[in-house]
Amino acid sequence: MKVSNRKDRAEIRAAVEAVGLVPVVRAPSAALAVKAVDALLAGGVCVFEITMTVPGAVSVIEQLVARFGDRAIVGAGTVLSPADARACILAGASFIVSPGLDLATVAEVKSHGVCVMPGALTPTEVITAWQAGVDMVKIFPASALGGPKYLKALRGPFPDVKFLPTGGVSAATAGEYIAAGASALGVGSDLVDIAALEAGQTALVTARTKELVAAVEIARAALRSVRPKD
């Protein structure tokens, strides 16, 4: 059954950009995934991506959507096919993220009016994704090709593309990525520390979340301060 109370693409895209962080929840069990979400929310982030590698991921998405309603934005990640995208959307996912660019999956997500963020790395892939009408382009793995320096190089020819760098993003590098032109940051194991969660140290994940939130706010404030006034 299609979820009818989901916000539209523009609203979700704006909300993700406003938060500035998309934590990637890649856990070995559904219980740990839910524990991660609780820790992230406690740290001030209401957006999170449940990857399809989580056991029972579609069910986890459905449970989280029912539990949090409008308090959080639940998305699906590591979505590799139109069928998986459809299943996640019907479970209530508000956005779909892929590690690479599959145009059939992009088309499926758009047909449901849902926010789509496929992965890309090369300029050709960025062009192809943006021309397909995606909401954000996930630069993955961002750190493998130079991190913020590579993102800044892409920003030059693509000033209108909304970039979501993922891979190697941490509190230490967040400011550099924002300064390089990131619209939001995808953060994985540097934030969602599975070992800490398994040990019951949810406070550590919450503290790291707060640290990242602060890093994004500081970086964005710095950008605003150097922009020329009208």
C-alpha atoms as a PDB file:
ATOM      1  CA  MET A   1       0.000   0.000   0.000  1.00  0.00           C
ATOM      2  CA  LYS A   2       1.406   3.349  -1.003  1.00  0.00           C
ATOM      3  CA  VAL A   3       2.095   5.741   1.868  1.00  0.00           C
ATOM      4  CA  SER A   4      -0.139   8.788   1.427  1.00  0.00           C
ATOM      5  CA  ASN A   5       1.128  11.138   4.158  1.00  0.00           C
ATOM      6  CA  ARG A   6       4.713  11.373   2.918  1.00  0.00           C
ATOM      7  CA  LYS A   7       6.060  14.850   2.131  1.00  0.00           C
ATOM      8  CA  ASP A   8       6.794  15.637  -1.495  1.00  0.00           C
ATOM      9  CA  ARG A   9      10.235  15.561  -3.107  1.00  0.00           C
ATOM     10  CA  ALA A  10      10.905  19.266  -2.776  1.00  0.00           C
ATOM     11  CA  GLU A  11      10.072  19.266   0.928  1.00  0.00           C
ATOM     12  CA  ILE A  12      12.273  16.256   1.627  1.00  0.00           C
ATOM     13  CA  ARG A  13      15.168  17.658  -0.384  1.00  0.00           C
ATOM     14  CA  ALA A  14      14.893  20.983   1.474  1.00  0.00           C
ATOM     15  CA  ALA A  15      14.743  19.206   4.835  1.00  0.00           C
ATOM     16  CA  VAL A  16      17.795  17.059   4.088  1.00  0.00           C
ATOM     17  CA  GLU A  17      19.728  20.108   2.970  1.00  0.00           C
ATOM     18  CA  ALA A  18      18.652  22.050   6.077  1.00  0.00           C
ATOM     19  CA  VAL A  19      19.803  19.281   8.417  1.00  0.00           C
ATOM     20  CA  GLY A  20      22.987  18.889   6.393  1.00  0.00           C
ATOM     21  CA  LEU A  21      23.650  15.303   7.473  1.00  0.00           C
ATOM     22  CA  VAL A  22      22.492  11.921   6.214  1.00  0.00           C
ATOM     23  CA  PRO A  23      23.728   9.246   8.635  1.00  0.00           C
ATOM     24  CA  VAL A  24      24.143   5.880   6.919  1.00  0.00           C
ATOM     25  CA  VAL A  25      22.813   3.157   9.215  1.00  0.00           C
ATOM     26  CA  ARG A  26      24.489  -0.088   8.135  1.00  0.00           C
ATOM     27  CA  ALA A  27      23.966  -2.527  11.000  1.00  0.00           C
ATOM     28  CA  PRO A  28      24.167  -6.339  11.287  1.00  0.00           C
ATOM     29  CA  SER A  29      20.718  -6.555  12.874  1.00  0.00           C
ATOM     30  CA  ALA A  30      17.419  -4.720  12.892  1.00  0.00           C
ATOM     31  CA  ALA A  31      17.702  -4.146  16.645  1.00  0.00           C
ATOM     32  CA  LEU A  32      21.064  -2.395  16.291  1.00  0.00           C
ATOM     33  CA  ALA A  33      19.711  -0.282  13.418  1.00  0.00           C
ATOM     34  CA  VAL A  34      16.879   0.950  15.629  1.00  0.00           C
ATOM     35  CA  LYS A  35      19.330   1.601  18.472  1.00  0.00           C
ATOM     36  CA  ALA A  36      21.442   3.667  16.085  1.00  0.00           C
ATOM     37  CA  VAL A  37      18.439   5.734  15.040  1.00  0.00           C
ATOM     38  CA  ASP A  38      17.576   6.471  18.678  1.00  0.00           C
ATOM     39  CA  ALA A  39      21.149   7.653  19.302  1.00  0.00           C
ATOM     40  CA  LEU A  40      21.135   9.851  16.195  1.00  0.00           C
ATOM     41  CA  LEU A  41      17.841  11.475  17.142  1.00  0.00           C
ATOM     42  CA  ALA A  42      19.170  12.166  20.628  1.00  0.00           C
ATOM     43  CA  GLY A  43      22.106  13.923  18.986  1.00  0.00           C
ATOM     44  CA  GLY A  44      19.876  16.262  17.011  1.00  0.00           C
ATOM     45  CA  VAL A  45      19.676  14.603  13.572  1.00  0.00           C
ATOM     46  CA  CYS A  46      16.220  13.677  12.298  1.00  0.00           C
ATOM     47  CA  VAL A  47      17.335  12.273   8.934  1.00  0.00           C
ATOM     48  CA  PHE A  48      18.722   8.778   8.532  1.00  0.00           C
ATOM     49  CA  GLU A  49      19.322   6.208   5.820  1.00  0.00           C
ATOM     50  CA  ILE A  50      18.621   2.536   6.480  1.00  0.00           C
ATOM     51  CA  THR A  51      20.710   0.497   4.060  1.00  0.00           C
ATOM     52  CA  MET A  52      19.352  -2.560   2.302  1.00  0.00           C
ATOM     53  CA  THR A  53      22.193  -4.553   3.855  1.00  0.00           C
ATOM     54  CA  VAL A  54      20.424  -4.365   7.240  1.00  0.00           C
ATOM     55  CA  PRO A  55      18.560  -7.672   7.809  1.00  0.00           C
ATOM     56  CA  GLY A  56      14.861  -7.043   7.172  1.00  0.00           C
ATOM     57  CA  ALA A  57      15.608  -3.504   6.015  1.00  0.00           C
ATOM     58  CA  VAL A  58      12.203  -2.918   4.428  1.00  0.00           C
ATOM     59  CA  SER A  59      10.455  -3.969   7.628  1.00  0.00           C
ATOM     60  CA  VAL A  60      12.784  -1.757   9.677  1.00  0.00           C
ATOM     61  CA  ILE A  61      11.921   1.229   7.471  1.00  0.00           C
ATOM     62  CA  GLU A  62       8.212   0.531   7.877  1.00  0.00           C
ATOM     63  CA  GLN A  63       8.542   0.263  11.662  1.00  0.00           C
ATOM     64  CA  LEU A  64      10.553   3.487  11.944  1.00  0.00           C
ATOM     65  CA  VAL A  65       8.123   5.426   9.759  1.00  0.00           C
ATOM     66  CA  ALA A  66       5.226   4.245  11.916  1.00  0.00           C
ATOM     67  CA  ARG A  67       7.112   5.004  15.127  1.00  0.00           C
ATOM     68  CA  PHE A  68       8.398   8.481  14.350  1.00  0.00           C
ATOM     69  CA  GLY A  69       5.879   9.851  11.862  1.00  0.00           C
ATOM     70  CA  ASP A  70       6.689  13.492  11.148  1.00  0.00           C
ATOM     71  CA  ARG A  71       9.467  13.604  13.775  1.00  0.00           C
ATOM     72  CA  ALA A  72      12.008  12.047  11.433  1.00  0.00           C
ATOM     73  CA  ILE A  73      12.773  11.489   7.768  1.00  0.00           C
ATOM     74  CA  VAL A  74      13.444   7.839   7.035  1.00  0.00           C
ATOM     75  CA  GLY A  75      15.247   6.935   3.821  1.00  0.00           C
ATOM     76  CA  ALA A  76      16.631   3.799   2.222  1.00  0.00           C
ATOM     77  CA  GLY A  77      20.209   3.290   1.107  1.00  0.00           C
ATOM     78  CA  THR A  78      22.253   0.831  -0.958  1.00  0.00           C
ATOM     79  CA  VAL A  79      19.209   0.468  -3.214  1.00  0.00           C
ATOM     80  CA  LEU A  80      20.365  -1.358  -6.333  1.00  0.00           C
ATOM     81  CA  SER A  81      17.232  -2.071  -8.361  1.00  0.00           C
ATOM     82  CA  PRO A  82      13.796  -0.676  -9.246  1.00  0.00           C
ATOM     83  CA  ALA A  83      12.147  -3.537  -7.358  1.00  0.00           C
ATOM     84  CA  ASP A  84      14.032  -2.770  -4.151  1.00  0.00           C
ATOM     85  CA  ALA A  85      13.297   0.934  -4.560  1.00  0.00           C
ATOM     86  CA  ARG A  86       9.590   0.208  -4.940  1.00  0.00           C
ATOM     87  CA  ALA A  87       9.558  -1.989  -1.827  1.00  0.00           C
ATOM     88  CA  CYS A  88      11.249   0.706   0.252  1.00  0.00           C
ATOM     89  CA  ILE A  89       8.915   3.402  -1.028  1.00  0.00           C
ATOM     90  CA  LEU A  90       5.833   1.337  -0.241  1.00  0.00           C
ATOM     91  CA  ALA A  91       7.257   0.818   3.256  1.00  0.00           C
ATOM     92  CA  GLY A  92       7.338   4.596   3.653  1.00  0.00           C
ATOM     93  CA  ALA A  93      10.888   5.647   2.723  1.00  0.00           C
ATOM     94  CA  SER A  94      11.026   9.371   1.978  1.00  0.00           C
ATOM     95  CA  PHE A  95      14.223   9.209  -0.061  1.00  0.00           C
ATOM     96  CA  ILE A  96      16.210   6.591  -1.931  1.00  0.00           C
ATOM     97  CA  VAL A  97      20.019   6.510  -2.068  1.00  0.00           C
ATOM     98  CA  SER A  98      22.194   4.312  -4.287  1.00  0.00           C
ATOM     99  CA  PRO A  99      25.971   3.833  -4.344  1.00  0.00           C
ATOM    100  CA  GLY A 100      25.958   4.140  -8.132  1.00  0.00           C
ATOM    101  CA  LEU A 101      23.830   5.406 -10.986  1.00  0.00           C
ATOM    102  CA  ASP A 102      21.114   3.113 -12.375  1.00  0.00           C
ATOM    103  CA  LEU A 103      18.719   5.087 -14.544  1.00  0.00           C
ATOM    104  CA  ALA A 104      15.936   2.497 -14.293  1.00  0.00           C
ATOM    105  CA  THR A 105      16.011   2.830 -10.505  1.00  0.00           C
ATOM    106  CA  VAL A 106      16.008   6.631 -10.772  1.00  0.00           C
ATOM    107  CA  ALA A 107      12.963   6.482 -13.043  1.00  0.00           C
ATOM    108  CA  GLU A 108      11.128   4.137 -10.672  1.00  0.00           C
ATOM    109  CA  VAL A 109      11.727   6.398  -7.683  1.00  0.00           C
ATOM    110  CA  LYS A 110      10.654   9.506  -9.575  1.00  0.00           C
ATOM    111  CA  SER A 111       7.464   7.779 -10.716  1.00  0.00           C
ATOM    112  CA  HIS A 112       6.426   7.623  -7.051  1.00  0.00           C
ATOM    113  CA  GLY A 113       7.265  11.287  -6.462  1.00  0.00           C
ATOM    114  CA  VAL A 114      10.027  10.371  -4.031  1.00  0.00           C
ATOM    115  CA  CYS A 115      13.384  12.066  -3.522  1.00  0.00           C
ATOM    116  CA  VAL A 116      16.238  10.206  -5.259  1.00  0.00           C
ATOM    117  CA  MET A 117      19.984  10.504  -4.614  1.00  0.00           C
ATOM    118  CA  PRO A 118      22.066   8.164  -6.797  1.00  0.00           C
ATOM    119  CA  GLY A 119      25.816   7.770  -6.540  1.00  0.00           C
ATOM    120  CA  ALA A 120      28.260   9.178  -9.067  1.00  0.00           C
ATOM    121  CA  LEU A 121      31.963   9.811  -9.192  1.00  0.00           C
ATOM    122  CA  THR A 122      33.056  11.032 -12.614  1.00  0.00           C
ATOM    123  CA  PRO A 123      31.920  14.228 -14.360  1.00  0.00           C
ATOM    124  CA  THR A 124      30.114  12.112 -16.959  1.00  0.00           C
ATOM    125  CA  GLU A 125      28.143  10.303 -14.242  1.00  0.00           C
ATOM    126  CA  VAL A 126      27.304  13.626 -12.568  1.00  0.00           C
ATOM    127  CA  ILE A 127      25.962  15.022 -15.850  1.00  0.00           C
ATOM    128  CA  THR A 128      23.947  11.877 -16.539  1.00  0.00           C
ATOM    129  CA  ALA A 129      22.428  11.852 -13.063  1.00  0.00           C
ATOM    130  CA  TRP A 130      21.543  15.545 -13.050  1.00  0.00           C
ATOM    131  CA  GLN A 131      20.012  15.391 -16.518  1.00  0.00           C
ATOM    132  CA  ALA A 132      17.888  12.478 -15.287  1.00  0.00           C
ATOM    133  CA  GLY A 133      16.328  14.875 -12.777  1.00  0.00           C
ATOM    134  CA  VAL A 134      17.720  13.575  -9.505  1.00  0.00           C
ATOM    135  CA  ASP A 135      17.450  15.572  -6.287  1.00  0.00           C
ATOM    136  CA  MET A 136      21.046  15.210  -5.101  1.00  0.00           C
ATOM    137  CA  VAL A 137      24.107  13.478  -6.464  1.00  0.00           C
ATOM    138  CA  LYS A 138      25.903  11.290  -3.962  1.00  0.00           C
ATOM    139  CA  ILE A 139      29.655  11.542  -4.600  1.00  0.00           C
ATOM    140  CA  PHE A 140      30.878   8.126  -3.519  1.00  0.00           C
ATOM    141  CA  PRO A 141      33.420   7.162  -2.377  1.00  0.00           C
ATOM    142  CA  ALA A 142      34.334  10.808  -1.912  1.00  0.00           C
ATOM    143  CA  SER A 143      37.579  10.294  -0.039  1.00  0.00           C
ATOM    144  CA  ALA A 144      38.999   7.903  -2.644  1.00  0.00           C
ATOM    145  CA  LEU A 145      39.492  10.660  -5.217  1.00  0.00           C
ATOM    146  CA  GLY A 146      40.708  13.459  -2.985  1.00  0.00           C
ATOM    147  CA  GLY A 147      37.797  14.280  -0.697  1.00  0.00           C
ATOM    148  CA  PRO A 148      36.981  18.001  -0.417  1.00  0.00           C
ATOM    149  CA  LYS A 149      39.527  18.901  -3.120  1.00  0.00           C
ATOM    150  CA  TYR A 150      37.793  16.638  -5.614  1.00  0.00           C
ATOM    151  CA  LEU A 151      34.361  17.987  -4.648  1.00  0.00           C
ATOM    152  CA  LYS A 152      35.603  21.547  -5.127  1.00  0.00           C
ATOM    153  CA  ALA A 153      36.895  20.601  -8.576  1.00  0.00           C
ATOM    154  CA  LEU A 154      33.462  19.225  -9.489  1.00  0.00           C
ATOM    155  CA  ARG A 155      31.691  22.286  -8.119  1.00  0.00           C
ATOM    156  CA  GLY A 156      33.335  24.525 -10.756  1.00  0.00           C
ATOM    157  CA  PRO A 157      31.601  23.069 -13.852  1.00  0.00           C
ATOM    158  CA  PHE A 158      28.480  22.020 -11.920  1.00  0.00           C
ATOM    159  CA  PRO A 159      27.449  25.031  -9.798  1.00  0.00           C
ATOM    160  CA  ASP A 160      23.764  24.040  -9.719  1.00  0.00           C
ATOM    161  CA  VAL A 161      24.195  20.385  -8.733  1.00  0.00           C
ATOM    162  CA  LYS A 162      23.390  19.507  -5.140  1.00  0.00           C
ATOM    163  CA  PHE A 163      26.200  17.262  -3.922  1.00  0.00           C
ATOM    164  CA  LEU A 164      26.027  14.694  -1.132  1.00  0.00           C
ATOM    165  CA  PRO A 165      29.621  13.522  -0.569  1.00  0.00           C
ATOM    166  CA  THR A 166      29.819  10.206   1.260  1.00  0.00           C
ATOM    167  CA  GLY A 167      32.775   8.064   2.275  1.00  0.00           C
ATOM    168  CA  GLY A 168      35.431   9.357   4.638  1.00  0.00           C
ATOM    169  CA  VAL A 169      33.264  12.175   6.005  1.00  0.00           C
ATOM    170  CA  SER A 170      33.810  12.912   9.705  1.00  0.00           C
ATOM    171  CA  ALA A 171      33.660  15.794  12.157  1.00  0.00           C
ATOM    172  CA  ALA A 172      37.271  16.572  11.213  1.00  0.00           C
ATOM    173  CA  THR A 173      36.499  16.878   7.476  1.00  0.00           C
ATOM    174  CA  ALA A 174      32.881  18.116   7.550  1.00  0.00           C
ATOM    175  CA  GLY A 175      33.844  21.782   7.418  1.00  0.00           C
ATOM    176  CA  GLU A 176      36.082  21.241   4.398  1.00  0.00           C
ATOM    177  CA  TYR A 177      33.319  19.449   2.511  1.00  0.00           C
ATOM    178  CA  ILE A 178      30.815  22.212   3.265  1.00  0.00           C
ATOM    179  CA  ALA A 179      33.327  24.836   2.142  1.00  0.00           C
ATOM    180  CA  ALA A 180      33.929  22.829  -1.048  1.00  0.00           C
ATOM    181  CA  GLY A 181      30.251  23.021  -1.953  1.00  0.00           C
ATOM    182  CA  ALA A 182      28.445  20.094  -0.328  1.00  0.00           C
ATOM    183  CA  SER A 183      24.696  20.542   0.135  1.00  0.00           C
ATOM    184  CA  ALA A 184      24.669  17.810   2.776  1.00  0.00           C
ATOM    185  CA  LEU A 185      27.019  15.113   4.039  1.00  0.00           C
ATOM    186  CA  GLY A 186      26.568  11.365   4.041  1.00  0.00           C
ATOM    187  CA  VAL A 187      28.258   9.920   7.134  1.00  0.00           C
ATOM    188  CA  GLY A 188      28.778   6.212   7.744  1.00  0.00           C
ATOM    189  CA  SER A 189      30.920   4.290  10.202  1.00  0.00           C
ATOM    190  CA  ASP A 190      32.671   7.410  11.506  1.00  0.00           C
ATOM    191  CA  LEU A 191      29.325   8.304  13.062  1.00  0.00           C
ATOM    192  CA  VAL A 192      27.287   5.104  13.283  1.00  0.00           C
ATOM    193  CA  ASP A 193      29.813   3.123  15.311  1.00  0.00           C
ATOM    194  CA  ILE A 194      28.460  -0.427  15.395  1.00  0.00           C
ATOM    195  CA  ALA A 195      31.046  -1.622  17.952  1.00  0.00           C
ATOM    196  CA  ALA A 196      29.968   1.140  20.325  1.00  0.00           C
ATOM    197  CA  LEU A 197      26.301   0.294  19.848  1.00  0.00           C
ATOM    198  CA  GLU A 198      26.946  -3.405  20.443  1.00  0.00           C
ATOM    199  CA  ALA A 199      28.740  -2.467  23.663  1.00  0.00           C
ATOM    200  CA  GLY A 200      25.767  -0.375  24.765  1.00  0.00           C
ATOM    201  CA  GLN A 201      27.664   2.888  24.324  1.00  0.00           C
ATOM    202  CA  THR A 202      24.863   4.763  22.568  1.00  0.00           C
ATOM    203  CA  ALA A 203      25.970   7.975  24.263  1.00  0.00           C
ATOM    204  CA  LEU A 204      29.147   7.882  22.154  1.00  0.00           C
ATOM    205  CA  VAL A 205      27.126   7.921  18.922  1.00  0.00           C
ATOM    206  CA  THR A 206      24.936  10.704  20.301  1.00  0.00           C
ATOM    207  CA  ALA A 207      28.016  12.756  21.235  1.00  0.00           C
ATOM    208  CA  ARG A 208      29.539  12.271  17.773  1.00  0.00           C
ATOM    209  CA  THR A 209      26.235  13.319  16.213  1.00  0.00           C
ATOM    210  CA  LYS A 210      26.222  16.542  18.207  1.00  0.00           C
ATOM    211  CA  GLU A 211      29.824  17.154  17.183  1.00  0.00           C
ATOM    212  CA  LEU A 212      28.975  16.749  13.502  1.00  0.00           C
ATOM    213  CA  VAL A 213      25.908  18.971  13.778  1.00  0.00           C
ATOM    214  CA  ALA A 214      28.072  21.675  15.314  1.00  0.00           C
ATOM    215  CA  ALA A 215      30.752  21.256  12.628  1.00  0.00           C
ATOM    216  CA  VAL A 216      28.188  21.740   9.852  1.00  0.00           C
ATOM    217  CA  GLU A 217      26.677  24.790  11.559  1.00  0.00           C
ATOM    218  CA  ILE A 218      30.098  26.394  12.063  1.00  0.00           C
ATOM    219  CA  ALA A 219      31.123  25.750   8.453  1.00  0.00           C
ATOM    220  CA  ARG A 220      27.896  27.170   7.077  1.00  0.00           C
ATOM    221  CA  ALA A 221      28.159  30.244   9.306  1.00  0.00           C
ATOM    222  CA  ALA A 222      31.686  30.813   8.022  1.00  0.00           C
ATOM    223  CA  LEU A 223      30.460  30.645   4.425  1.00  0.00           C
ATOM    224  CA  ARG A 224      27.691  33.139   5.132  1.00  0.00           C
ATOM    225  CA  SER A 225      30.172  35.553   6.684  1.00  0.00           C
ATOM    226  CA  VAL A 226      32.348  35.716   3.573  1.00  0.00           C
ATOM    227  CA  ARG A 227      29.583  36.008   0.997  1.00  0.00           C
ATOM    228  CA  PRO A 228      29.296  39.482  -0.535  1.00  0.00           C
ATOM    229  CA  LYS A 229      26.301  41.454   0.693  1.00  0.00           C
ATOM    230  CA  ASP A 230      23.796  42.860  -1.826  1.00  0.00           C
END
